[in-house]
């Protein structure tokens, strides 16, 4: 089980400062990272996560996934969730409402009732936020 709580200021490449507050808690019954293929592949079973973020992306997350499978180019999470939020996170615009949502930018993907499907690194540095948040 891992948990994290932090508040910090991040500097983006375009020189803007984004105050970001984030709190997360998560647990997994099984977690494994296989590096034998040269690309790390992460597998988790029976996970639960809750979190809140305020900054360039503002939202709340609450989900439980039966299985999570991911590597450098993509990630699949099968389960239920009520993730809700909007903003730019890691060069990707995300909009989520009660577990349903889309992401477009460096990553592209969608959420259906909390199950998540993401293709990572679709575009590199394609989106930069132009807003300074207080």
C-alpha atoms as a PDB file:
ATOM      1  CA  UNK A   1       0.000   0.000   0.000  1.00  0.00           C
ATOM      2  CA  UNK A   2       1.259   3.453  -0.815  1.00  0.00           C
ATOM      3  CA  UNK A   3      -0.003   6.915   0.030  1.00  0.00           C
ATOM      4  CA  UNK A   4       1.174  10.373  -0.908  1.00  0.00           C
ATOM      5  CA  UNK A   5       0.354  13.956   0.033  1.00  0.00           C
ATOM      6  CA  UNK A   6       2.190  16.998  -1.272  1.00  0.00           C
ATOM      7  CA  UNK A   7       1.925  20.657  -2.181  1.00  0.00           C
ATOM      8  CA  UNK A   8       4.457  22.192  -4.522  1.00  0.00           C
ATOM      9  CA  UNK A   9       5.141  24.641  -7.323  1.00  0.00           C
ATOM     10  CA  UNK A  10       6.082  23.238 -10.698  1.00  0.00           C
ATOM     11  CA  UNK A  11       7.779  25.179 -13.497  1.00  0.00           C
ATOM     12  CA  UNK A  12       6.756  24.321 -17.044  1.00  0.00           C
ATOM     13  CA  UNK A  13       8.982  24.690 -20.121  1.00  0.00           C
ATOM     14  CA  UNK A  14       7.201  27.843 -21.246  1.00  0.00           C
ATOM     15  CA  UNK A  15       8.233  29.661 -18.067  1.00  0.00           C
ATOM     16  CA  UNK A  16       4.871  29.842 -16.288  1.00  0.00           C
ATOM     17  CA  UNK A  17       4.519  28.821 -12.656  1.00  0.00           C
ATOM     18  CA  UNK A  18       1.662  26.545 -11.645  1.00  0.00           C
ATOM     19  CA  UNK A  19       0.895  26.090  -7.972  1.00  0.00           C
ATOM     20  CA  UNK A  20      -0.324  22.521  -7.588  1.00  0.00           C
ATOM     21  CA  UNK A  21      -1.798  20.858  -4.534  1.00  0.00           C
ATOM     22  CA  UNK A  22      -2.282  17.116  -4.681  1.00  0.00           C
ATOM     23  CA  UNK A  23      -3.341  14.379  -2.267  1.00  0.00           C
ATOM     24  CA  UNK A  24      -3.503  10.683  -3.174  1.00  0.00           C
ATOM     25  CA  UNK A  25      -4.099   7.378  -1.445  1.00  0.00           C
ATOM     26  CA  UNK A  26      -3.958   3.996  -3.163  1.00  0.00           C
ATOM     27  CA  UNK A  27      -3.711   0.300  -2.443  1.00  0.00           C
ATOM     28  CA  UNK A  28      -3.198  -2.823  -4.559  1.00  0.00           C
ATOM     29  CA  UNK A  29      -3.607  -6.486  -3.663  1.00  0.00           C
ATOM     30  CA  UNK A  30      -0.929  -7.416  -6.232  1.00  0.00           C
ATOM     31  CA  UNK A  31       1.589  -5.269  -8.095  1.00  0.00           C
ATOM     32  CA  UNK A  32       4.377  -6.331 -10.454  1.00  0.00           C
ATOM     33  CA  UNK A  33       6.809  -4.636 -12.851  1.00  0.00           C
ATOM     34  CA  UNK A  34       8.416  -6.845 -15.501  1.00  0.00           C
ATOM     35  CA  UNK A  35      11.490  -5.427 -17.266  1.00  0.00           C
ATOM     36  CA  UNK A  36      12.595  -8.582 -19.110  1.00  0.00           C
ATOM     37  CA  UNK A  37      11.465  -7.232 -22.518  1.00  0.00           C
ATOM     38  CA  UNK A  38      13.498  -4.041 -22.103  1.00  0.00           C
ATOM     39  CA  UNK A  39      10.302  -2.013 -21.618  1.00  0.00           C
ATOM     40  CA  UNK A  40       8.851  -1.926 -18.101  1.00  0.00           C
ATOM     41  CA  UNK A  41       5.402  -3.532 -17.998  1.00  0.00           C
ATOM     42  CA  UNK A  42       3.304  -2.870 -14.912  1.00  0.00           C
ATOM     43  CA  UNK A  43       0.497  -5.181 -13.810  1.00  0.00           C
ATOM     44  CA  UNK A  44      -1.756  -4.590 -10.806  1.00  0.00           C
ATOM     45  CA  UNK A  45      -4.736  -6.540  -9.514  1.00  0.00           C
ATOM     46  CA  UNK A  46      -7.535  -5.349  -7.216  1.00  0.00           C
ATOM     47  CA  UNK A  47      -6.580  -1.694  -6.769  1.00  0.00           C
ATOM     48  CA  UNK A  48      -8.356   1.208  -5.078  1.00  0.00           C
ATOM     49  CA  UNK A  49      -7.449   4.883  -5.455  1.00  0.00           C
ATOM     50  CA  UNK A  50      -8.746   8.205  -4.149  1.00  0.00           C
ATOM     51  CA  UNK A  51      -7.246  11.591  -4.842  1.00  0.00           C
ATOM     52  CA  UNK A  52      -7.766  15.303  -5.316  1.00  0.00           C
ATOM     53  CA  UNK A  53      -5.757  17.786  -7.390  1.00  0.00           C
ATOM     54  CA  UNK A  54      -5.957  21.579  -7.697  1.00  0.00           C
ATOM     55  CA  UNK A  55      -3.817  23.423 -10.224  1.00  0.00           C
ATOM     56  CA  UNK A  56      -3.624  23.333 -14.028  1.00  0.00           C
ATOM     57  CA  UNK A  57      -5.785  20.180 -13.677  1.00  0.00           C
ATOM     58  CA  UNK A  58      -8.451  20.361 -10.998  1.00  0.00           C
ATOM     59  CA  UNK A  59     -10.485  17.335 -10.051  1.00  0.00           C
ATOM     60  CA  UNK A  60     -11.253  14.417  -7.775  1.00  0.00           C
ATOM     61  CA  UNK A  61     -10.655  10.738  -8.411  1.00  0.00           C
ATOM     62  CA  UNK A  62     -12.224   7.712  -6.770  1.00  0.00           C
ATOM     63  CA  UNK A  63     -11.930   4.335  -8.456  1.00  0.00           C
ATOM     64  CA  UNK A  64     -11.508   0.620  -7.980  1.00  0.00           C
ATOM     65  CA  UNK A  65      -9.919  -1.437 -10.741  1.00  0.00           C
ATOM     66  CA  UNK A  66      -9.924  -5.195 -11.061  1.00  0.00           C
ATOM     67  CA  UNK A  67      -6.886  -5.142 -13.326  1.00  0.00           C
ATOM     68  CA  UNK A  68      -4.380  -2.509 -14.505  1.00  0.00           C
ATOM     69  CA  UNK A  69      -1.910  -3.193 -17.310  1.00  0.00           C
ATOM     70  CA  UNK A  70       0.486  -0.563 -18.607  1.00  0.00           C
ATOM     71  CA  UNK A  71       3.791   0.161 -20.305  1.00  0.00           C
ATOM     72  CA  UNK A  72       5.522   3.158 -21.911  1.00  0.00           C
ATOM     73  CA  UNK A  73       3.053   3.321 -24.833  1.00  0.00           C
ATOM     74  CA  UNK A  74      -0.292   2.697 -23.192  1.00  0.00           C
ATOM     75  CA  UNK A  75      -2.387   1.709 -20.233  1.00  0.00           C
ATOM     76  CA  UNK A  76      -5.649  -0.156 -19.641  1.00  0.00           C
ATOM     77  CA  UNK A  77      -7.563  -0.087 -16.347  1.00  0.00           C
ATOM     78  CA  UNK A  78     -10.724  -2.173 -15.993  1.00  0.00           C
ATOM     79  CA  UNK A  79     -13.062  -1.323 -13.150  1.00  0.00           C
ATOM     80  CA  UNK A  80     -15.413   1.334 -11.801  1.00  0.00           C
ATOM     81  CA  UNK A  81     -14.821   4.965 -10.930  1.00  0.00           C
ATOM     82  CA  UNK A  82     -16.289   8.436 -10.558  1.00  0.00           C
ATOM     83  CA  UNK A  83     -13.298  10.521 -11.671  1.00  0.00           C
ATOM     84  CA  UNK A  84     -14.376  14.134 -12.256  1.00  0.00           C
ATOM     85  CA  UNK A  85     -12.154  17.006 -13.352  1.00  0.00           C
ATOM     86  CA  UNK A  86     -10.975  19.309 -16.115  1.00  0.00           C
ATOM     87  CA  UNK A  87      -7.659  20.852 -17.160  1.00  0.00           C
ATOM     88  CA  UNK A  88      -4.223  20.235 -18.636  1.00  0.00           C
ATOM     89  CA  UNK A  89      -2.087  17.500 -17.094  1.00  0.00           C
ATOM     90  CA  UNK A  90       1.302  16.420 -18.538  1.00  0.00           C
ATOM     91  CA  UNK A  91       0.626  18.137 -21.878  1.00  0.00           C
ATOM     92  CA  UNK A  92      -2.803  16.530 -22.234  1.00  0.00           C
ATOM     93  CA  UNK A  93      -6.228  18.191 -22.026  1.00  0.00           C
ATOM     94  CA  UNK A  94      -8.528  16.045 -19.878  1.00  0.00           C
ATOM     95  CA  UNK A  95     -12.258  16.278 -19.211  1.00  0.00           C
ATOM     96  CA  UNK A  96     -13.927  13.728 -16.907  1.00  0.00           C
ATOM     97  CA  UNK A  97     -17.450  13.698 -15.458  1.00  0.00           C
ATOM     98  CA  UNK A  98     -18.518  10.912 -13.075  1.00  0.00           C
ATOM     99  CA  UNK A  99     -16.198   8.331 -14.636  1.00  0.00           C
ATOM    100  CA  UNK A 100     -16.780   9.250 -18.292  1.00  0.00           C
ATOM    101  CA  UNK A 101     -14.226  11.352 -20.135  1.00  0.00           C
ATOM    102  CA  UNK A 102     -11.700  12.082 -22.870  1.00  0.00           C
ATOM    103  CA  UNK A 103      -8.057  13.058 -23.026  1.00  0.00           C
ATOM    104  CA  UNK A 104      -6.282  14.590 -26.034  1.00  0.00           C
ATOM    105  CA  UNK A 105      -2.701  15.796 -26.397  1.00  0.00           C
ATOM    106  CA  UNK A 106       0.512  13.967 -25.526  1.00  0.00           C
ATOM    107  CA  UNK A 107      -1.774  11.102 -24.490  1.00  0.00           C
ATOM    108  CA  UNK A 108      -5.109  10.192 -26.049  1.00  0.00           C
ATOM    109  CA  UNK A 109      -7.743   8.065 -24.422  1.00  0.00           C
ATOM    110  CA  UNK A 110     -11.160   7.726 -22.890  1.00  0.00           C
ATOM    111  CA  UNK A 111     -12.882   6.647 -19.680  1.00  0.00           C
ATOM    112  CA  UNK A 112     -16.086   4.596 -19.586  1.00  0.00           C
ATOM    113  CA  UNK A 113     -17.706   4.313 -16.128  1.00  0.00           C
ATOM    114  CA  UNK A 114     -14.215   4.367 -14.615  1.00  0.00           C
ATOM    115  CA  UNK A 115     -12.483   1.909 -16.963  1.00  0.00           C
ATOM    116  CA  UNK A 116      -9.618   3.766 -18.655  1.00  0.00           C
ATOM    117  CA  UNK A 117      -7.927   3.258 -22.028  1.00  0.00           C
ATOM    118  CA  UNK A 118      -4.879   5.429 -22.821  1.00  0.00           C
ATOM    119  CA  UNK A 119      -2.385   5.572 -25.691  1.00  0.00           C
ATOM    120  CA  UNK A 120       0.663   7.395 -24.293  1.00  0.00           C
ATOM    121  CA  UNK A 121       3.146   9.698 -26.007  1.00  0.00           C
ATOM    122  CA  UNK A 122       0.859  10.255 -29.008  1.00  0.00           C
ATOM    123  CA  UNK A 123       2.150  13.800 -29.411  1.00  0.00           C
ATOM    124  CA  UNK A 124       5.234  15.212 -27.764  1.00  0.00           C
ATOM    125  CA  UNK A 125       4.948  18.683 -26.196  1.00  0.00           C
ATOM    126  CA  UNK A 126       1.911  19.462 -28.345  1.00  0.00           C
ATOM    127  CA  UNK A 127       0.070  21.332 -25.610  1.00  0.00           C
ATOM    128  CA  UNK A 128       1.370  24.001 -23.304  1.00  0.00           C
ATOM    129  CA  UNK A 129      -0.773  25.783 -20.809  1.00  0.00           C
ATOM    130  CA  UNK A 130      -0.909  29.559 -21.210  1.00  0.00           C
ATOM    131  CA  UNK A 131      -2.614  30.283 -17.902  1.00  0.00           C
ATOM    132  CA  UNK A 132      -1.112  31.283 -14.597  1.00  0.00           C
ATOM    133  CA  UNK A 133      -3.201  29.948 -11.734  1.00  0.00           C
ATOM    134  CA  UNK A 134      -3.358  31.502  -8.300  1.00  0.00           C
END
